[in-house]
Amino acid sequence: MPIQTSFADLEYHCKKRQTRRELFLAEMEQVVPWPSLLAQIEPYYPSTGRRGRQPMPLASMLRIHCMQNWFSYSDRQMEDALYEIDSVRRFAGFGSVTDALPDETTILNFRHWLEKHSLTAVLLNTVNSHLKAQGLLISKGTMVDATIIHAPSSTKNKDKSRDPDMHQTRKGKQWYFGMKIHIGADVNSGAVHTVTTTAANVADIHELPKLLREDDQVIFADAGYTSDEYRRGARHLGMR
């Protein structure tokens, strides 16, 4: 049975101009190997959700997880974006705000599910293999950086406590509570090849060795990753 196009769909596709977010998501739609990613994680996905309910579609949750990383959204911000931003909601596979959209708890649980089964590394390796096959990933140098993902700091919940895996850190004159994502990206293509996660209070420099590749010749990083010991080690290995 053909899918009926709604007036909202026609209005959306006939817009005079696309935003940068819409252009970016359209590009990701084309370049990300979605079928390969889904094939890697689908065997682990539960067939039933909590209380016997049908779980959210895996394809939608994967796309939401990707957008959360691309746009540095917290779980609550991601939920809000699904309701507020048409392009984000459509990219996730939902037609309108009247659809059953995942809430912040569902988004959090999906991320924990990926971590429990060590699937984030599987997804990253699948993307890197795809990029190498397309000749887009060249292993010459790495640039490293970190970003903070916010978490609720309130203790007004069922457990009367904060998430024990999250911690507080100060950046500039502002305090943050949550986790930190450390990223190693290929210098030439900009493609991410390594991702690690820690509590927000873990110093960036501690994660540096985990973000590099054996054949890296150049490292680009800010002052948070430098030390006399690492400089000596880099010179000894012939790295810059």
C-alpha atoms as a PDB file:
ATOM      1  CA  MET A   1       0.000   0.000   0.000  1.00  0.00           C
ATOM      2  CA  PRO A   2       1.548   3.367  -0.991  1.00  0.00           C
ATOM      3  CA  ILE A   3       2.289   5.825   1.788  1.00  0.00           C
ATOM      4  CA  GLN A   4      -0.036   8.832   1.699  1.00  0.00           C
ATOM      5  CA  THR A   5       1.743  12.181   1.684  1.00  0.00           C
ATOM      6  CA  SER A   6       0.367  14.658   4.200  1.00  0.00           C
ATOM      7  CA  PHE A   7       0.002  18.409   3.746  1.00  0.00           C
ATOM      8  CA  ALA A   8       2.766  18.843   6.342  1.00  0.00           C
ATOM      9  CA  ASP A   9       5.094  16.686   4.215  1.00  0.00           C
ATOM     10  CA  LEU A  10       4.341  18.705   1.095  1.00  0.00           C
ATOM     11  CA  GLU A  11       4.879  21.986   2.915  1.00  0.00           C
ATOM     12  CA  TYR A  12       8.181  20.768   4.394  1.00  0.00           C
ATOM     13  CA  HIS A  13       9.610  19.552   1.078  1.00  0.00           C
ATOM     14  CA  CYS A  14       8.549  22.723  -0.777  1.00  0.00           C
ATOM     15  CA  LYS A  15      10.386  25.128   1.510  1.00  0.00           C
ATOM     16  CA  LYS A  16      12.358  27.814  -0.285  1.00  0.00           C
ATOM     17  CA  ARG A  17      15.535  27.331   1.733  1.00  0.00           C
ATOM     18  CA  GLN A  18      17.104  24.562   3.784  1.00  0.00           C
ATOM     19  CA  THR A  19      18.878  25.315   7.059  1.00  0.00           C
ATOM     20  CA  ARG A  20      22.445  24.213   7.722  1.00  0.00           C
ATOM     21  CA  ARG A  21      21.114  21.517  10.033  1.00  0.00           C
ATOM     22  CA  GLU A  22      18.833  20.192   7.286  1.00  0.00           C
ATOM     23  CA  LEU A  23      21.684  20.157   4.765  1.00  0.00           C
ATOM     24  CA  PHE A  24      23.938  18.347   7.229  1.00  0.00           C
ATOM     25  CA  LEU A  25      21.295  15.709   8.022  1.00  0.00           C
ATOM     26  CA  ALA A  26      20.586  15.208   4.319  1.00  0.00           C
ATOM     27  CA  GLU A  27      24.282  14.534   3.779  1.00  0.00           C
ATOM     28  CA  MET A  28      24.428  12.116   6.721  1.00  0.00           C
ATOM     29  CA  GLU A  29      21.419  10.304   5.293  1.00  0.00           C
ATOM     30  CA  GLN A  30      23.485   9.554   2.205  1.00  0.00           C
ATOM     31  CA  VAL A  31      26.978   8.902   3.551  1.00  0.00           C
ATOM     32  CA  VAL A  32      26.367   6.918   6.770  1.00  0.00           C
ATOM     33  CA  PRO A  33      26.157   3.136   6.091  1.00  0.00           C
ATOM     34  CA  TRP A  34      22.871   2.712   7.974  1.00  0.00           C
ATOM     35  CA  PRO A  35      22.107  -0.887   6.844  1.00  0.00           C
ATOM     36  CA  SER A  36      25.587  -2.057   7.920  1.00  0.00           C
ATOM     37  CA  LEU A  37      25.287  -0.367  11.323  1.00  0.00           C
ATOM     38  CA  LEU A  38      21.858  -1.845  11.964  1.00  0.00           C
ATOM     39  CA  ALA A  39      23.034  -5.320  10.950  1.00  0.00           C
ATOM     40  CA  GLN A  40      25.805  -5.141  13.561  1.00  0.00           C
ATOM     41  CA  ILE A  41      23.579  -4.244  16.515  1.00  0.00           C
ATOM     42  CA  GLU A  42      20.182  -5.698  15.639  1.00  0.00           C
ATOM     43  CA  PRO A  43      20.935  -9.196  17.055  1.00  0.00           C
ATOM     44  CA  TYR A  44      21.345  -7.641  20.522  1.00  0.00           C
ATOM     45  CA  TYR A  45      18.215  -5.467  20.435  1.00  0.00           C
ATOM     46  CA  PRO A  46      15.396  -6.679  22.717  1.00  0.00           C
ATOM     47  CA  SER A  47      12.171  -7.769  21.017  1.00  0.00           C
ATOM     48  CA  THR A  48      10.051  -6.427  23.867  1.00  0.00           C
ATOM     49  CA  GLY A  49      10.443  -3.342  25.990  1.00  0.00           C
ATOM     50  CA  ARG A  50       9.562  -2.628  29.595  1.00  0.00           C
ATOM     51  CA  ARG A  51       6.309  -4.161  30.829  1.00  0.00           C
ATOM     52  CA  GLY A  52       5.952  -6.103  27.598  1.00  0.00           C
ATOM     53  CA  ARG A  53       5.633  -3.006  25.417  1.00  0.00           C
ATOM     54  CA  GLN A  54       7.074  -2.831  21.934  1.00  0.00           C
ATOM     55  CA  PRO A  55      10.490  -1.109  22.032  1.00  0.00           C
ATOM     56  CA  MET A  56      11.184   1.966  19.963  1.00  0.00           C
ATOM     57  CA  PRO A  57      12.295   1.147  16.385  1.00  0.00           C
ATOM     58  CA  LEU A  58      16.010   0.387  16.390  1.00  0.00           C
ATOM     59  CA  ALA A  59      16.638   2.499  13.275  1.00  0.00           C
ATOM     60  CA  SER A  60      15.092   5.529  14.969  1.00  0.00           C
ATOM     61  CA  MET A  61      17.033   5.059  18.199  1.00  0.00           C
ATOM     62  CA  LEU A  62      20.311   4.686  16.288  1.00  0.00           C
ATOM     63  CA  ARG A  63      19.674   7.903  14.392  1.00  0.00           C
ATOM     64  CA  ILE A  64      18.761   9.701  17.619  1.00  0.00           C
ATOM     65  CA  HIS A  65      21.982   8.436  19.219  1.00  0.00           C
ATOM     66  CA  CYS A  66      23.990   9.752  16.264  1.00  0.00           C
ATOM     67  CA  MET A  67      22.300  13.153  16.353  1.00  0.00           C
ATOM     68  CA  GLN A  68      22.894  13.378  20.085  1.00  0.00           C
ATOM     69  CA  ASN A  69      26.616  13.027  19.429  1.00  0.00           C
ATOM     70  CA  TRP A  70      26.701  15.270  16.342  1.00  0.00           C
ATOM     71  CA  PHE A  71      24.905  18.144  18.069  1.00  0.00           C
ATOM     72  CA  SER A  72      26.165  17.535  21.656  1.00  0.00           C
ATOM     73  CA  TYR A  73      22.640  17.196  23.039  1.00  0.00           C
ATOM     74  CA  SER A  74      21.976  15.978  26.562  1.00  0.00           C
ATOM     75  CA  ASP A  75      19.206  13.383  26.913  1.00  0.00           C
ATOM     76  CA  ARG A  76      16.684  16.082  27.816  1.00  0.00           C
ATOM     77  CA  GLN A  77      17.844  18.363  24.999  1.00  0.00           C
ATOM     78  CA  MET A  78      17.522  15.463  22.558  1.00  0.00           C
ATOM     79  CA  GLU A  79      13.956  14.806  23.681  1.00  0.00           C
ATOM     80  CA  ASP A  80      13.119  18.505  23.343  1.00  0.00           C
ATOM     81  CA  ALA A  81      14.661  18.628  19.855  1.00  0.00           C
ATOM     82  CA  LEU A  82      12.431  15.781  18.693  1.00  0.00           C
ATOM     83  CA  TYR A  83       9.416  17.855  19.650  1.00  0.00           C
ATOM     84  CA  GLU A  84      10.701  21.264  18.579  1.00  0.00           C
ATOM     85  CA  ILE A  85      12.789  20.701  15.417  1.00  0.00           C
ATOM     86  CA  ASP A  86      11.040  19.261  12.387  1.00  0.00           C
ATOM     87  CA  SER A  87      14.213  18.179  10.570  1.00  0.00           C
ATOM     88  CA  VAL A  88      15.522  16.320  13.625  1.00  0.00           C
ATOM     89  CA  ARG A  89      12.231  14.505  14.139  1.00  0.00           C
ATOM     90  CA  ARG A  90      11.983  13.540  10.463  1.00  0.00           C
ATOM     91  CA  PHE A  91      15.581  12.304  10.360  1.00  0.00           C
ATOM     92  CA  ALA A  92      14.734  10.001  13.276  1.00  0.00           C
ATOM     93  CA  GLY A  93      11.830   8.590  11.279  1.00  0.00           C
ATOM     94  CA  PHE A  94       8.886  10.261  13.009  1.00  0.00           C
ATOM     95  CA  GLY A  95       6.278  12.148  11.026  1.00  0.00           C
ATOM     96  CA  SER A  96       4.871  14.507  13.623  1.00  0.00           C
ATOM     97  CA  VAL A  97       4.764  15.399  17.307  1.00  0.00           C
ATOM     98  CA  THR A  98       1.671  13.222  17.642  1.00  0.00           C
ATOM     99  CA  ASP A  99       3.833  10.114  17.098  1.00  0.00           C
ATOM    100  CA  ALA A 100       5.079   8.176  20.131  1.00  0.00           C
ATOM    101  CA  LEU A 101       8.427   9.945  20.549  1.00  0.00           C
ATOM    102  CA  PRO A 102      11.094   8.554  22.914  1.00  0.00           C
ATOM    103  CA  ASP A 103      11.593  10.473  26.149  1.00  0.00           C
ATOM    104  CA  GLU A 104      14.912  11.276  27.812  1.00  0.00           C
ATOM    105  CA  THR A 105      14.851   8.054  29.866  1.00  0.00           C
ATOM    106  CA  THR A 106      14.435   5.929  26.738  1.00  0.00           C
ATOM    107  CA  ILE A 107      17.314   7.796  25.085  1.00  0.00           C
ATOM    108  CA  LEU A 108      19.485   7.283  28.186  1.00  0.00           C
ATOM    109  CA  ASN A 109      18.613   3.574  28.359  1.00  0.00           C
ATOM    110  CA  PHE A 110      19.540   3.093  24.691  1.00  0.00           C
ATOM    111  CA  ARG A 111      22.975   4.598  25.269  1.00  0.00           C
ATOM    112  CA  HIS A 112      23.477   2.364  28.297  1.00  0.00           C
ATOM    113  CA  TRP A 113      22.367  -0.629  26.217  1.00  0.00           C
ATOM    114  CA  LEU A 114      25.018   0.175  23.597  1.00  0.00           C
ATOM    115  CA  GLU A 115      27.645   0.483  26.333  1.00  0.00           C
ATOM    116  CA  LYS A 116      26.546  -2.750  28.052  1.00  0.00           C
ATOM    117  CA  HIS A 117      27.088  -4.771  24.875  1.00  0.00           C
ATOM    118  CA  SER A 118      30.224  -2.806  23.810  1.00  0.00           C
ATOM    119  CA  LEU A 119      28.422  -1.777  20.628  1.00  0.00           C
ATOM    120  CA  THR A 120      29.742   1.791  20.386  1.00  0.00           C
ATOM    121  CA  ALA A 121      33.127   0.404  19.362  1.00  0.00           C
ATOM    122  CA  VAL A 122      31.418  -1.925  16.878  1.00  0.00           C
ATOM    123  CA  LEU A 123      29.571   1.007  15.308  1.00  0.00           C
ATOM    124  CA  LEU A 124      32.740   3.086  15.084  1.00  0.00           C
ATOM    125  CA  ASN A 125      34.716   0.228  13.486  1.00  0.00           C
ATOM    126  CA  THR A 126      31.940  -0.320  10.960  1.00  0.00           C
ATOM    127  CA  VAL A 127      31.968   3.363   9.969  1.00  0.00           C
ATOM    128  CA  ASN A 128      35.771   3.419   9.725  1.00  0.00           C
ATOM    129  CA  SER A 129      35.786   0.293   7.551  1.00  0.00           C
ATOM    130  CA  HIS A 130      33.253   1.941   5.269  1.00  0.00           C
ATOM    131  CA  LEU A 131      35.330   5.136   5.051  1.00  0.00           C
ATOM    132  CA  LYS A 132      38.507   3.194   4.284  1.00  0.00           C
ATOM    133  CA  ALA A 133      36.706   1.256   1.558  1.00  0.00           C
ATOM    134  CA  GLN A 134      35.660   4.588   0.038  1.00  0.00           C
ATOM    135  CA  GLY A 135      39.210   5.933   0.313  1.00  0.00           C
ATOM    136  CA  LEU A 136      38.140   8.649   2.750  1.00  0.00           C
ATOM    137  CA  LEU A 137      40.125   7.644   5.846  1.00  0.00           C
ATOM    138  CA  ILE A 138      43.885   8.198   5.694  1.00  0.00           C
ATOM    139  CA  SER A 139      45.952   7.283   8.757  1.00  0.00           C
ATOM    140  CA  LYS A 140      48.592   9.988   9.032  1.00  0.00           C
ATOM    141  CA  GLY A 141      47.685  12.177  11.994  1.00  0.00           C
ATOM    142  CA  THR A 142      45.138  12.665  14.742  1.00  0.00           C
ATOM    143  CA  MET A 143      43.486  15.697  16.291  1.00  0.00           C
ATOM    144  CA  VAL A 144      42.022  15.209  19.766  1.00  0.00           C
ATOM    145  CA  ASP A 145      39.444  17.064  21.800  1.00  0.00           C
ATOM    146  CA  ALA A 146      36.779  16.524  24.454  1.00  0.00           C
ATOM    147  CA  THR A 147      33.234  17.732  25.027  1.00  0.00           C
ATOM    148  CA  ILE A 148      31.020  17.671  28.099  1.00  0.00           C
ATOM    149  CA  ILE A 149      27.611  15.999  27.970  1.00  0.00           C
ATOM    150  CA  HIS A 150      25.323  17.357  30.651  1.00  0.00           C
ATOM    151  CA  ALA A 151      23.393  15.120  33.046  1.00  0.00           C
ATOM    152  CA  PRO A 152      20.629  16.019  35.523  1.00  0.00           C
ATOM    153  CA  SER A 153      22.219  17.102  38.809  1.00  0.00           C
ATOM    154  CA  SER A 154      18.963  16.998  40.758  1.00  0.00           C
ATOM    155  CA  THR A 155      18.406  14.378  43.458  1.00  0.00           C
ATOM    156  CA  LYS A 156      14.635  14.687  43.178  1.00  0.00           C
ATOM    157  CA  ASN A 157      14.188  11.231  41.695  1.00  0.00           C
ATOM    158  CA  LYS A 158      13.230   7.720  42.775  1.00  0.00           C
ATOM    159  CA  ASP A 159      16.732   6.883  44.052  1.00  0.00           C
ATOM    160  CA  LYS A 160      17.179  10.275  45.778  1.00  0.00           C
ATOM    161  CA  SER A 161      20.687  10.537  44.299  1.00  0.00           C
ATOM    162  CA  ARG A 162      22.704  11.630  41.309  1.00  0.00           C
ATOM    163  CA  ASP A 163      23.939   9.230  38.650  1.00  0.00           C
ATOM    164  CA  PRO A 164      27.095   7.704  40.266  1.00  0.00           C
ATOM    165  CA  ASP A 165      28.894   7.582  36.901  1.00  0.00           C
ATOM    166  CA  MET A 166      28.572  11.354  36.459  1.00  0.00           C
ATOM    167  CA  HIS A 167      30.709  13.971  38.192  1.00  0.00           C
ATOM    168  CA  GLN A 168      31.179  17.707  38.496  1.00  0.00           C
ATOM    169  CA  THR A 169      33.869  19.721  36.754  1.00  0.00           C
ATOM    170  CA  ARG A 170      34.743  23.358  36.217  1.00  0.00           C
ATOM    171  CA  LYS A 171      35.400  24.912  32.822  1.00  0.00           C
ATOM    172  CA  GLY A 172      36.384  28.538  32.907  1.00  0.00           C
ATOM    173  CA  LYS A 173      34.186  30.108  35.587  1.00  0.00           C
ATOM    174  CA  GLN A 174      31.269  27.709  35.126  1.00  0.00           C
ATOM    175  CA  TRP A 175      30.544  24.361  36.769  1.00  0.00           C
ATOM    176  CA  TYR A 176      29.142  21.384  34.861  1.00  0.00           C
ATOM    177  CA  PHE A 177      27.775  18.008  35.932  1.00  0.00           C
ATOM    178  CA  GLY A 178      27.849  15.002  33.636  1.00  0.00           C
ATOM    179  CA  MET A 179      30.216  12.980  31.494  1.00  0.00           C
ATOM    180  CA  LYS A 180      32.951  13.779  29.024  1.00  0.00           C
ATOM    181  CA  ILE A 181      33.404  12.392  25.533  1.00  0.00           C
ATOM    182  CA  HIS A 182      37.019  12.256  24.302  1.00  0.00           C
ATOM    183  CA  ILE A 183      37.430  12.137  20.517  1.00  0.00           C
ATOM    184  CA  GLY A 184      40.305  11.265  18.209  1.00  0.00           C
ATOM    185  CA  ALA A 185      39.731  12.314  14.577  1.00  0.00           C
ATOM    186  CA  ASP A 186      41.726  11.842  11.400  1.00  0.00           C
ATOM    187  CA  VAL A 187      43.551  15.052  10.459  1.00  0.00           C
ATOM    188  CA  ASN A 188      43.003  14.720   6.718  1.00  0.00           C
ATOM    189  CA  SER A 189      39.356  13.669   6.542  1.00  0.00           C
ATOM    190  CA  GLY A 190      38.035  14.894   9.896  1.00  0.00           C
ATOM    191  CA  ALA A 191      36.487  11.449  10.433  1.00  0.00           C
ATOM    192  CA  VAL A 192      36.318  10.264  14.038  1.00  0.00           C
ATOM    193  CA  HIS A 193      38.291   7.050  14.539  1.00  0.00           C
ATOM    194  CA  THR A 194      38.308   6.723  18.350  1.00  0.00           C
ATOM    195  CA  VAL A 195      35.868   7.695  21.096  1.00  0.00           C
ATOM    196  CA  THR A 196      36.172   7.171  24.844  1.00  0.00           C
ATOM    197  CA  THR A 197      33.889   8.298  27.663  1.00  0.00           C
ATOM    198  CA  THR A 198      34.727   9.269  31.232  1.00  0.00           C
ATOM    199  CA  ALA A 199      33.193  11.196  34.090  1.00  0.00           C
ATOM    200  CA  ALA A 200      33.393  14.965  33.505  1.00  0.00           C
ATOM    201  CA  ASN A 201      36.098  15.458  36.158  1.00  0.00           C
ATOM    202  CA  VAL A 202      38.685  13.234  34.410  1.00  0.00           C
ATOM    203  CA  ALA A 203      41.531  15.319  32.961  1.00  0.00           C
ATOM    204  CA  ASP A 204      41.779  15.318  29.168  1.00  0.00           C
ATOM    205  CA  ILE A 205      45.453  14.369  29.207  1.00  0.00           C
ATOM    206  CA  HIS A 206      44.753  10.992  30.841  1.00  0.00           C
ATOM    207  CA  GLU A 207      42.801   9.863  27.759  1.00  0.00           C
ATOM    208  CA  LEU A 208      45.353  10.986  25.142  1.00  0.00           C
ATOM    209  CA  PRO A 209      47.125   7.596  24.679  1.00  0.00           C
ATOM    210  CA  LYS A 210      43.761   5.914  24.048  1.00  0.00           C
ATOM    211  CA  LEU A 211      42.893   8.370  21.252  1.00  0.00           C
ATOM    212  CA  LEU A 212      45.955   7.801  19.078  1.00  0.00           C
ATOM    213  CA  ARG A 213      46.757   5.229  16.383  1.00  0.00           C
ATOM    214  CA  GLU A 214      50.012   3.321  15.980  1.00  0.00           C
ATOM    215  CA  ASP A 215      50.783   4.922  12.603  1.00  0.00           C
ATOM    216  CA  ASP A 216      50.044   8.521  13.626  1.00  0.00           C
ATOM    217  CA  GLN A 217      52.836  10.932  12.753  1.00  0.00           C
ATOM    218  CA  VAL A 218      51.267  14.223  13.886  1.00  0.00           C
ATOM    219  CA  ILE A 219      49.047  15.089  16.868  1.00  0.00           C
ATOM    220  CA  PHE A 220      46.962  18.255  17.119  1.00  0.00           C
ATOM    221  CA  ALA A 221      45.687  19.092  20.614  1.00  0.00           C
ATOM    222  CA  ASP A 222      45.110  22.020  22.935  1.00  0.00           C
ATOM    223  CA  ALA A 223      47.092  22.738  26.103  1.00  0.00           C
ATOM    224  CA  GLY A 224      45.015  20.322  28.159  1.00  0.00           C
ATOM    225  CA  TYR A 225      46.766  17.405  26.461  1.00  0.00           C
ATOM    226  CA  THR A 226      50.383  18.532  26.770  1.00  0.00           C
ATOM    227  CA  SER A 227      53.089  17.652  29.274  1.00  0.00           C
ATOM    228  CA  ASP A 228      56.894  17.474  29.265  1.00  0.00           C
ATOM    229  CA  GLU A 229      56.679  13.678  29.504  1.00  0.00           C
ATOM    230  CA  TYR A 230      54.452  13.418  26.431  1.00  0.00           C
ATOM    231  CA  ARG A 231      56.647  15.837  24.485  1.00  0.00           C
ATOM    232  CA  ARG A 232      59.725  13.701  25.179  1.00  0.00           C
ATOM    233  CA  GLY A 233      57.834  10.547  24.294  1.00  0.00           C
ATOM    234  CA  ALA A 234      56.594  12.050  21.030  1.00  0.00           C
ATOM    235  CA  ARG A 235      60.118  13.077  20.005  1.00  0.00           C
ATOM    236  CA  HIS A 236      61.380   9.575  20.828  1.00  0.00           C
ATOM    237  CA  LEU A 237      58.700   8.033  18.580  1.00  0.00           C
ATOM    238  CA  GLY A 238      59.314  10.495  15.766  1.00  0.00           C
ATOM    239  CA  MET A 239      55.942  12.201  16.186  1.00  0.00           C
ATOM    240  CA  ARG A 240      55.172  15.922  16.048  1.00  0.00           C
END
